[in-house]
C-alpha atoms as a PDB file:
ATOM      1  CA  MET A   1     -12.465  11.387   7.936  1.00  0.00           C
ATOM      2  CA  ARG A   2     -11.009  14.965   8.884  1.00  0.00           C
ATOM      3  CA  LEU A   3     -13.209  17.821   7.953  1.00  0.00           C
ATOM      4  CA  ASP A   4     -10.477  19.439   5.644  1.00  0.00           C
ATOM      5  CA  LYS A   5     -10.185  16.061   3.970  1.00  0.00           C
ATOM      6  CA  PHE A   6     -14.176  15.595   3.691  1.00  0.00           C
ATOM      7  CA  VAL A   7     -14.399  19.240   2.125  1.00  0.00           C
ATOM      8  CA  CYS A   8     -11.362  18.971  -0.263  1.00  0.00           C
ATOM      9  CA  LYS A   9     -12.799  15.537  -1.326  1.00  0.00           C
ATOM     10  CA  SER A  10     -16.019  17.408  -2.268  1.00  0.00           C
ATOM     11  CA  THR A  11     -14.538  20.143  -3.752  1.00  0.00           C
ATOM     12  CA  ARG A  12     -12.164  21.864  -5.733  1.00  0.00           C
ATOM     13  CA  LEU A  13     -10.447  23.695  -2.619  1.00  0.00           C
ATOM     14  CA  ASN A  14      -7.041  22.514  -1.593  1.00  0.00           C
ATOM     15  CA  ARG A  15      -5.863  21.152   2.289  1.00  0.00           C
ATOM     16  CA  GLU A  16      -5.218  25.236   3.036  1.00  0.00           C
ATOM     17  CA  GLU A  17      -8.201  26.853   1.698  1.00  0.00           C
ATOM     18  CA  ALA A  18     -10.159  24.428   3.092  1.00  0.00           C
ATOM     19  CA  VAL A  19      -8.790  25.279   6.584  1.00  0.00           C
ATOM     20  CA  VAL A  20      -9.657  28.729   5.789  1.00  0.00           C
ATOM     21  CA  VAL A  21     -13.480  28.639   5.047  1.00  0.00           C
ATOM     22  CA  ILE A  22     -13.971  26.240   7.992  1.00  0.00           C
ATOM     23  CA  GLY A  23     -12.305  28.356  10.488  1.00  0.00           C
ATOM     24  CA  ALA A  24     -14.530  31.185   9.054  1.00  0.00           C
ATOM     25  CA  GLY A  25     -17.252  29.238   9.872  1.00  0.00           C
ATOM     26  CA  LYS A  26     -18.599  28.669   6.644  1.00  0.00           C
ATOM     27  CA  VAL A  27     -19.239  24.591   7.045  1.00  0.00           C
ATOM     28  CA  ALA A  28     -21.800  23.237   9.254  1.00  0.00           C
ATOM     29  CA  VAL A  29     -21.844  19.292  10.311  1.00  0.00           C
ATOM     30  CA  ASN A  30     -25.281  17.868  10.835  1.00  0.00           C
ATOM     31  CA  GLY A  31     -26.840  21.902  11.371  1.00  0.00           C
ATOM     32  CA  SER A  32     -24.185  22.903  13.809  1.00  0.00           C
ATOM     33  CA  VAL A  33     -20.878  25.238  12.161  1.00  0.00           C
ATOM     34  CA  VAL A  34     -17.738  23.674  13.133  1.00  0.00           C
ATOM     35  CA  VAL A  35     -14.445  25.599  12.868  1.00  0.00           C
ATOM     36  CA  ASP A  36     -12.293  22.938  13.762  1.00  0.00           C
ATOM     37  CA  ALA A  37     -10.636  21.790  10.468  1.00  0.00           C
ATOM     38  CA  GLY A  38      -9.559  18.462  12.283  1.00  0.00           C
ATOM     39  CA  ALA A  39     -13.124  17.623  13.290  1.00  0.00           C
ATOM     40  CA  GLN A  40     -13.752  13.833  12.831  1.00  0.00           C
ATOM     41  CA  VAL A  41     -16.820  13.234  10.389  1.00  0.00           C
ATOM     42  CA  HIS A  42     -18.756  10.503   8.497  1.00  0.00           C
ATOM     43  CA  GLU A  43     -19.764  10.302   5.012  1.00  0.00           C
ATOM     44  CA  SER A  44     -23.288   9.790   6.226  1.00  0.00           C
ATOM     45  CA  ASN A  45     -22.987  13.138   8.016  1.00  0.00           C
ATOM     46  CA  CYS A  46     -25.000  16.262   6.158  1.00  0.00           C
ATOM     47  CA  ILE A  47     -21.753  18.522   5.805  1.00  0.00           C
ATOM     48  CA  VAL A  48     -22.974  22.151   4.447  1.00  0.00           C
ATOM     49  CA  PHE A  49     -20.829  24.648   2.216  1.00  0.00           C
ATOM     50  CA  GLN A  50     -22.113  27.652   0.095  1.00  0.00           C
ATOM     51  CA  GLY A  51     -25.782  26.361   0.656  1.00  0.00           C
ATOM     52  CA  GLY A  52     -25.336  22.862  -0.255  1.00  0.00           C
ATOM     53  CA  CYS A  53     -24.999  19.673   1.524  1.00  0.00           C
ATOM     54  CA  LEU A  54     -21.530  18.205  -0.073  1.00  0.00           C
ATOM     55  CA  LYS A  55     -21.004  14.810  -1.577  1.00  0.00           C
ATOM     56  CA  PRO A  56     -17.246  13.389  -1.805  1.00  0.00           C
ATOM     57  CA  ARG A  57     -15.876  11.560  -4.914  1.00  0.00           C
ATOM     58  CA  PRO A  58     -15.882   8.381  -5.177  1.00  0.00           C
ATOM     59  CA  PHE A  59     -12.904   6.415  -3.913  1.00  0.00           C
ATOM     60  CA  ARG A  60     -10.572   5.338  -5.940  1.00  0.00           C
ATOM     61  CA  TYR A  61      -8.380   2.536  -6.286  1.00  0.00           C
ATOM     62  CA  LEU A  62      -5.180   1.932  -8.668  1.00  0.00           C
ATOM     63  CA  LEU A  63      -2.599  -0.608  -9.377  1.00  0.00           C
ATOM     64  CA  LEU A  64       0.760   0.614 -10.847  1.00  0.00           C
ATOM     65  CA  ASN A  65       3.694  -1.742 -12.267  1.00  0.00           C
ATOM     66  CA  LYS A  66       6.307   0.288 -10.596  1.00  0.00           C
ATOM     67  CA  PRO A  67       9.732   0.758 -12.504  1.00  0.00           C
ATOM     68  CA  LYS A  68      13.129   0.463 -11.029  1.00  0.00           C
ATOM     69  CA  ASN A  69      14.739   3.828  -9.976  1.00  0.00           C
ATOM     70  CA  THR A  70      11.510   5.534  -8.930  1.00  0.00           C
ATOM     71  CA  LEU A  71      10.033   6.552  -5.245  1.00  0.00           C
ATOM     72  CA  CYS A  72       6.892   5.596  -3.752  1.00  0.00           C
ATOM     73  CA  SER A  73       6.242   9.478  -2.669  1.00  0.00           C
ATOM     74  CA  ASN A  74       4.091  12.065  -3.868  1.00  0.00           C
ATOM     75  CA  VAL A  75       7.014  13.981  -4.639  1.00  0.00           C
ATOM     76  CA  ASP A  76      10.190  13.775  -6.740  1.00  0.00           C
ATOM     77  CA  GLY A  77      13.507  13.218  -4.527  1.00  0.00           C
ATOM     78  CA  ASP A  78      16.669  11.346  -5.590  1.00  0.00           C
ATOM     79  CA  HIS A  79      14.755   9.435  -8.282  1.00  0.00           C
ATOM     80  CA  PRO A  80      11.212  10.187  -9.656  1.00  0.00           C
ATOM     81  CA  SER A  81       8.029   9.820  -8.285  1.00  0.00           C
ATOM     82  CA  ILE A  82       5.805   6.953  -9.555  1.00  0.00           C
ATOM     83  CA  PHE A  83       2.840  10.030  -9.389  1.00  0.00           C
ATOM     84  CA  ASN A  84       4.896  10.892 -12.747  1.00  0.00           C
ATOM     85  CA  LEU A  85       2.922   8.229 -14.243  1.00  0.00           C
ATOM     86  CA  LEU A  86      -0.543   8.755 -13.349  1.00  0.00           C
ATOM     87  CA  ASP A  87      -2.889  10.859 -15.447  1.00  0.00           C
ATOM     88  CA  VAL A  88      -5.553  11.319 -12.959  1.00  0.00           C
ATOM     89  CA  GLU A  89      -7.588  14.340 -11.245  1.00  0.00           C
ATOM     90  CA  TYR A  90      -6.859  15.379  -7.681  1.00  0.00           C
ATOM     91  CA  PRO A  91      -3.411  13.515  -7.461  1.00  0.00           C
ATOM     92  CA  HIS A  92      -2.652  15.319  -4.459  1.00  0.00           C
ATOM     93  CA  GLU A  93      -5.579  13.224  -2.622  1.00  0.00           C
ATOM     94  CA  LEU A  94      -4.169   9.918  -3.337  1.00  0.00           C
ATOM     95  CA  HIS A  95      -1.662   7.816  -1.249  1.00  0.00           C
ATOM     96  CA  ILE A  96       0.421   4.523  -1.778  1.00  0.00           C
ATOM     97  CA  ALA A  97      -0.416   1.656   0.204  1.00  0.00           C
ATOM     98  CA  GLY A  98       2.306  -0.518   0.966  1.00  0.00           C
ATOM     99  CA  ARG A  99       5.648   1.165  -0.196  1.00  0.00           C
ATOM    100  CA  LEU A 100       8.223  -0.099  -2.355  1.00  0.00           C
ATOM    101  CA  ASP A 101      12.328   0.410  -2.348  1.00  0.00           C
ATOM    102  CA  ALA A 102      13.340   2.893  -4.879  1.00  0.00           C
ATOM    103  CA  ASP A 103      15.050  -0.451  -6.591  1.00  0.00           C
ATOM    104  CA  THR A 104      12.184  -2.990  -6.121  1.00  0.00           C
ATOM    105  CA  THR A 105       9.865  -3.131  -8.833  1.00  0.00           C
ATOM    106  CA  GLY A 106       6.144  -4.177  -9.368  1.00  0.00           C
ATOM    107  CA  LEU A 107       2.760  -3.985  -8.001  1.00  0.00           C
ATOM    108  CA  VAL A 108       1.808  -0.809  -5.890  1.00  0.00           C
ATOM    109  CA  LEU A 109      -1.580  -0.047  -4.657  1.00  0.00           C
ATOM    110  CA  ILE A 110      -2.987   3.668  -4.963  1.00  0.00           C
ATOM    111  CA  THR A 111      -5.880   4.901  -3.125  1.00  0.00           C
ATOM    112  CA  ASP A 112      -7.466   7.932  -1.415  1.00  0.00           C
ATOM    113  CA  ASP A 113      -9.615   5.479   0.918  1.00  0.00           C
ATOM    114  CA  GLY A 114      -7.213   5.615   3.741  1.00  0.00           C
ATOM    115  CA  ARG A 115      -9.242   2.760   5.800  1.00  0.00           C
ATOM    116  CA  TRP A 116      -9.173   0.532   2.923  1.00  0.00           C
ATOM    117  CA  SER A 117      -5.302   0.764   2.628  1.00  0.00           C
ATOM    118  CA  PHE A 118      -5.031   0.755   6.372  1.00  0.00           C
ATOM    119  CA  ASN A 119      -6.710  -2.969   6.077  1.00  0.00           C
ATOM    120  CA  VAL A 120      -5.250  -4.246   3.086  1.00  0.00           C
ATOM    121  CA  PHE A 121      -1.600  -3.756   5.130  1.00  0.00           C
ATOM    122  CA  ASN A 122      -2.695  -4.308   8.732  1.00  0.00           C
ATOM    123  CA  PRO A 123      -1.428  -7.472  10.164  1.00  0.00           C
ATOM    124  CA  LYS A 124      -3.848  -9.025  11.395  1.00  0.00           C
ATOM    125  CA  TYR A 125      -5.625  -9.779   8.306  1.00  0.00           C
ATOM    126  CA  HIS A 126      -2.976 -11.799   6.989  1.00  0.00           C
ATOM    127  CA  CYS A 127      -2.859 -10.419   3.545  1.00  0.00           C
ATOM    128  CA  GLN A 128      -0.358 -12.138   1.451  1.00  0.00           C
ATOM    129  CA  LYS A 129       2.232 -10.575  -0.680  1.00  0.00           C
ATOM    130  CA  VAL A 130       4.350 -12.420  -3.290  1.00  0.00           C
ATOM    131  CA  TYR A 131       7.518 -11.655  -4.496  1.00  0.00           C
ATOM    132  CA  ARG A 132      10.030 -12.556  -7.113  1.00  0.00           C
ATOM    133  CA  VAL A 133      13.272 -12.294  -5.329  1.00  0.00           C
ATOM    134  CA  ARG A 134      16.866 -12.724  -7.220  1.00  0.00           C
ATOM    135  CA  LEU A 135      19.862 -13.896  -5.248  1.00  0.00           C
ATOM    136  CA  ARG A 136      23.482 -13.717  -5.601  1.00  0.00           C
ATOM    137  CA  ASP A 137      24.007 -16.810  -4.231  1.00  0.00           C
ATOM    138  CA  SER A 138      22.828 -20.063  -5.499  1.00  0.00           C
ATOM    139  CA  ILE A 139      19.978 -21.841  -3.177  1.00  0.00           C
ATOM    140  CA  GLU A 140      19.619 -25.202  -4.731  1.00  0.00           C
ATOM    141  CA  GLY A 141      20.021 -28.293  -2.440  1.00  0.00           C
ATOM    142  CA  GLU A 142      21.677 -31.757  -2.581  1.00  0.00           C
ATOM    143  CA  HIS A 143      19.714 -32.306  -5.954  1.00  0.00           C
ATOM    144  CA  LYS A 144      19.995 -29.971  -8.749  1.00  0.00           C
ATOM    145  CA  GLY A 145      16.658 -28.307  -9.215  1.00  0.00           C
ATOM    146  CA  GLU A 146      15.830 -28.139  -5.806  1.00  0.00           C
ATOM    147  CA  ILE A 147      15.786 -25.505  -3.312  1.00  0.00           C
ATOM    148  CA  ASP A 148      17.517 -25.997  -0.084  1.00  0.00           C
ATOM    149  CA  LYS A 149      14.560 -27.719   2.139  1.00  0.00           C
ATOM    150  CA  GLN A 150      16.147 -26.692   5.403  1.00  0.00           C
ATOM    151  CA  LEU A 151      16.208 -23.074   3.918  1.00  0.00           C
ATOM    152  CA  VAL A 152      12.378 -23.545   3.463  1.00  0.00           C
ATOM    153  CA  THR A 153      11.655 -24.859   6.709  1.00  0.00           C
ATOM    154  CA  ARG A 154      14.079 -22.008   8.551  1.00  0.00           C
ATOM    155  CA  PHE A 155      11.690 -19.352   6.524  1.00  0.00           C
ATOM    156  CA  LYS A 156       8.551 -21.251   7.188  1.00  0.00           C
ATOM    157  CA  GLN A 157       9.312 -21.396  10.769  1.00  0.00           C
ATOM    158  CA  GLY A 158      10.003 -17.746  11.255  1.00  0.00           C
ATOM    159  CA  LEU A 159      13.267 -16.173  11.301  1.00  0.00           C
ATOM    160  CA  GLU A 160      15.033 -13.529  14.093  1.00  0.00           C
ATOM    161  CA  LEU A 161      15.975 -10.843  12.030  1.00  0.00           C
ATOM    162  CA  PRO A 162      18.828  -8.319  13.528  1.00  0.00           C
ATOM    163  CA  GLY A 163      17.711  -5.779  15.925  1.00  0.00           C
ATOM    164  CA  GLU A 164      14.000  -7.430  16.224  1.00  0.00           C
ATOM    165  CA  THR A 165      12.725  -9.204  19.338  1.00  0.00           C
ATOM    166  CA  LYS A 166       9.599 -11.172  17.469  1.00  0.00           C
ATOM    167  CA  PRO A 167      10.656 -13.769  14.947  1.00  0.00           C
ATOM    168  CA  THR A 168       8.919 -13.254  11.500  1.00  0.00           C
ATOM    169  CA  LEU A 169       5.413 -14.516  10.924  1.00  0.00           C
ATOM    170  CA  PRO A 170       5.986 -17.854   8.413  1.00  0.00           C
ATOM    171  CA  ALA A 171       6.977 -17.456   4.918  1.00  0.00           C
ATOM    172  CA  LYS A 172       6.648 -20.069   1.829  1.00  0.00           C
ATOM    173  CA  MET A 173       9.485 -20.174  -0.649  1.00  0.00           C
ATOM    174  CA  ALA A 174       9.083 -21.850  -4.271  1.00  0.00           C
ATOM    175  CA  TYR A 175      11.562 -22.689  -6.399  1.00  0.00           C
ATOM    176  CA  VAL A 176      12.191 -20.775  -9.626  1.00  0.00           C
ATOM    177  CA  SER A 177      15.652 -21.191 -10.733  1.00  0.00           C
ATOM    178  CA  GLU A 178      18.870 -21.653  -9.149  1.00  0.00           C
ATOM    179  CA  ARG A 179      18.877 -17.974  -8.078  1.00  0.00           C
ATOM    180  CA  GLU A 180      15.155 -17.181  -8.224  1.00  0.00           C
ATOM    181  CA  VAL A 181      12.691 -17.991  -5.912  1.00  0.00           C
ATOM    182  CA  LEU A 182       9.057 -16.826  -5.464  1.00  0.00           C
ATOM    183  CA  LEU A 183       8.660 -15.765  -1.721  1.00  0.00           C
ATOM    184  CA  THR A 184       5.092 -15.317   0.328  1.00  0.00           C
ATOM    185  CA  ILE A 185       4.904 -13.268   3.173  1.00  0.00           C
ATOM    186  CA  SER A 186       1.866 -11.750   5.110  1.00  0.00           C
ATOM    187  CA  GLU A 187       3.726  -8.750   6.667  1.00  0.00           C
ATOM    188  CA  GLY A 188       5.798  -5.949   5.907  1.00  0.00           C
ATOM    189  CA  ARG A 189       8.519  -5.155   7.825  1.00  0.00           C
ATOM    190  CA  TYR A 190      11.370  -2.352   6.922  1.00  0.00           C
ATOM    191  CA  HIS A 191      13.168  -3.953   4.098  1.00  0.00           C
ATOM    192  CA  GLN A 192      11.955  -7.335   5.284  1.00  0.00           C
ATOM    193  CA  VAL A 193      12.715  -9.711   2.116  1.00  0.00           C
ATOM    194  CA  LYS A 194      16.132  -8.508   1.966  1.00  0.00           C
ATOM    195  CA  ARG A 195      17.020  -8.491   5.596  1.00  0.00           C
ATOM    196  CA  MET A 196      15.647 -12.055   5.678  1.00  0.00           C
ATOM    197  CA  PHE A 197      17.876 -13.681   2.831  1.00  0.00           C
ATOM    198  CA  ALA A 198      20.799 -11.683   4.428  1.00  0.00           C
ATOM    199  CA  THR A 199      20.064 -13.503   7.934  1.00  0.00           C
ATOM    200  CA  VAL A 200      20.529 -17.018   5.879  1.00  0.00           C
ATOM    201  CA  GLY A 201      23.700 -15.593   4.265  1.00  0.00           C
ATOM    202  CA  ASN A 202      22.425 -14.638   0.957  1.00  0.00           C
ATOM    203  CA  ARG A 203      21.731 -11.257  -0.797  1.00  0.00           C
ATOM    204  CA  VAL A 204      19.157 -10.111  -2.545  1.00  0.00           C
ATOM    205  CA  VAL A 205      20.078  -8.466  -5.988  1.00  0.00           C
ATOM    206  CA  GLY A 206      16.614  -8.089  -7.750  1.00  0.00           C
ATOM    207  CA  LEU A 207      13.227  -7.790  -6.267  1.00  0.00           C
ATOM    208  CA  HIS A 208       9.727  -7.817  -7.923  1.00  0.00           C
ATOM    209  CA  ARG A 209       6.255  -7.934  -6.256  1.00  0.00           C
ATOM    210  CA  GLU A 210       3.633  -9.888  -8.372  1.00  0.00           C
ATOM    211  CA  ARG A 211       0.477 -10.151  -6.171  1.00  0.00           C
ATOM    212  CA  VAL A 212      -1.214  -8.841  -3.233  1.00  0.00           C
ATOM    213  CA  GLY A 213      -4.119 -10.802  -1.864  1.00  0.00           C
ATOM    214  CA  SER A 214      -5.722 -11.939  -5.042  1.00  0.00           C
ATOM    215  CA  ILE A 215      -4.450  -9.067  -6.941  1.00  0.00           C
ATOM    216  CA  GLU A 216      -1.735  -9.958  -9.535  1.00  0.00           C
ATOM    217  CA  CYS A 217       0.451  -7.023 -11.358  1.00  0.00           C
ATOM    218  CA  ASP A 218      -0.709  -7.605 -14.670  1.00  0.00           C
ATOM    219  CA  VAL A 219       0.184  -4.450 -16.563  1.00  0.00           C
ATOM    220  CA  PRO A 220       3.315  -3.623 -18.279  1.00  0.00           C
ATOM    221  CA  CYS A 221       5.980  -1.889 -16.587  1.00  0.00           C
ATOM    222  CA  GLY A 222       5.591   1.983 -15.900  1.00  0.00           C
ATOM    223  CA  GLU A 223       1.813   1.547 -16.779  1.00  0.00           C
ATOM    224  CA  TRP A 224      -1.507   1.249 -14.089  1.00  0.00           C
ATOM    225  CA  ARG A 225      -5.295   0.750 -14.437  1.00  0.00           C
ATOM    226  CA  TYR A 226      -8.227   0.924 -11.746  1.00  0.00           C
ATOM    227  CA  LEU A 227      -8.894  -1.895  -9.832  1.00  0.00           C
ATOM    228  CA  SER A 228     -12.186  -3.909 -10.212  1.00  0.00           C
ATOM    229  CA  ASP A 229     -15.108  -3.519  -7.733  1.00  0.00           C
ATOM    230  CA  GLU A 230     -14.597  -7.637  -6.881  1.00  0.00           C
ATOM    231  CA  GLU A 231     -10.478  -6.838  -6.786  1.00  0.00           C
ATOM    232  CA  VAL A 232     -11.146  -3.687  -4.155  1.00  0.00           C
ATOM    233  CA  GLU A 233     -13.567  -6.174  -1.706  1.00  0.00           C
ATOM    234  CA  GLY A 234     -11.748  -9.236  -2.348  1.00  0.00           C
ATOM    235  CA  PHE A 235      -9.355  -8.578   0.860  1.00  0.00           C
ATOM    236  CA  GLY A 236     -11.697 -10.291   3.071  1.00  0.00           C
ATOM    237  CA  PHE A 237     -13.297  -7.395   4.510  1.00  0.00           C
ATOM    238  CA  SER A 238     -15.171  -4.574   4.160  1.00  0.00           C
ATOM    239  CA  PRO A 239     -13.467  -1.387   2.936  1.00  0.00           C
ATOM    240  CA  PHE A 240     -15.789   0.533   5.255  1.00  0.00           C
ATOM    241  CA  SER A 241     -15.897  -1.492   8.095  1.00  0.00           C
ATOM    242  CA  GLU A 242     -13.099   0.039  10.415  1.00  0.00           C
ATOM    243  CA  LEU A 243     -11.365   2.902  11.460  1.00  0.00           C
ATOM    244  CA  ASP A 244     -14.561   5.141  10.942  1.00  0.00           C
ATOM    245  CA  ASN A 245     -13.225   8.233  13.577  1.00  0.00           C
ATOM    246  CA  ARG A 246      -9.583   7.545  12.665  1.00  0.00           C
ATOM    247  CA  LEU A 247      -8.553   8.960   8.983  1.00  0.00           C
END
């Protein structure tokens, strides 16, 4: 973690104020004054400011059911930011893990733990994301009520998306109705679900993320909750196992 971020997370200083006090030589790391705000530090270091050893606030992990026409951004733009829906302290410390398009709804994870969010959406962990997809055209197969088996096979084998050299990783499709499916993917390329269906000649007209890993989108639209410790640790890796010196 950067030193200025550590100071912010341990005090009421904002990033600009933290940079100033660090540059003024008012912060020491393990007994030595450090004036580089970008210096990498670890939670186990003794970081002293104003005579006391700083202790960062615990990391926070939130789940939000994102409404349509909102932005996965910390600030408003063409649509309002989803951060307007949160009632928490220090919202500027939080970031969004696994952003959704403005017109996409469903599960969004929000945290101030950069290592955890990096690992959740790191392709090497193959974290599965489940989307409910509404389509323009019917995808029924030969028998009514069955999804086109050839299409299922194509998604399972991987699709070559325009402008990309590697096919998508295997995806699982489950039938809901003639124009609705559940799609499970384990990567997060740009507009991936929409591009996958465009590649096979269809069009996504509604997209909702229902699950990430074992975490279900179980709150009403526009509402949020904190994740339990079991949910945070349930992705098959330790939140503190990697990237100690990168974030």
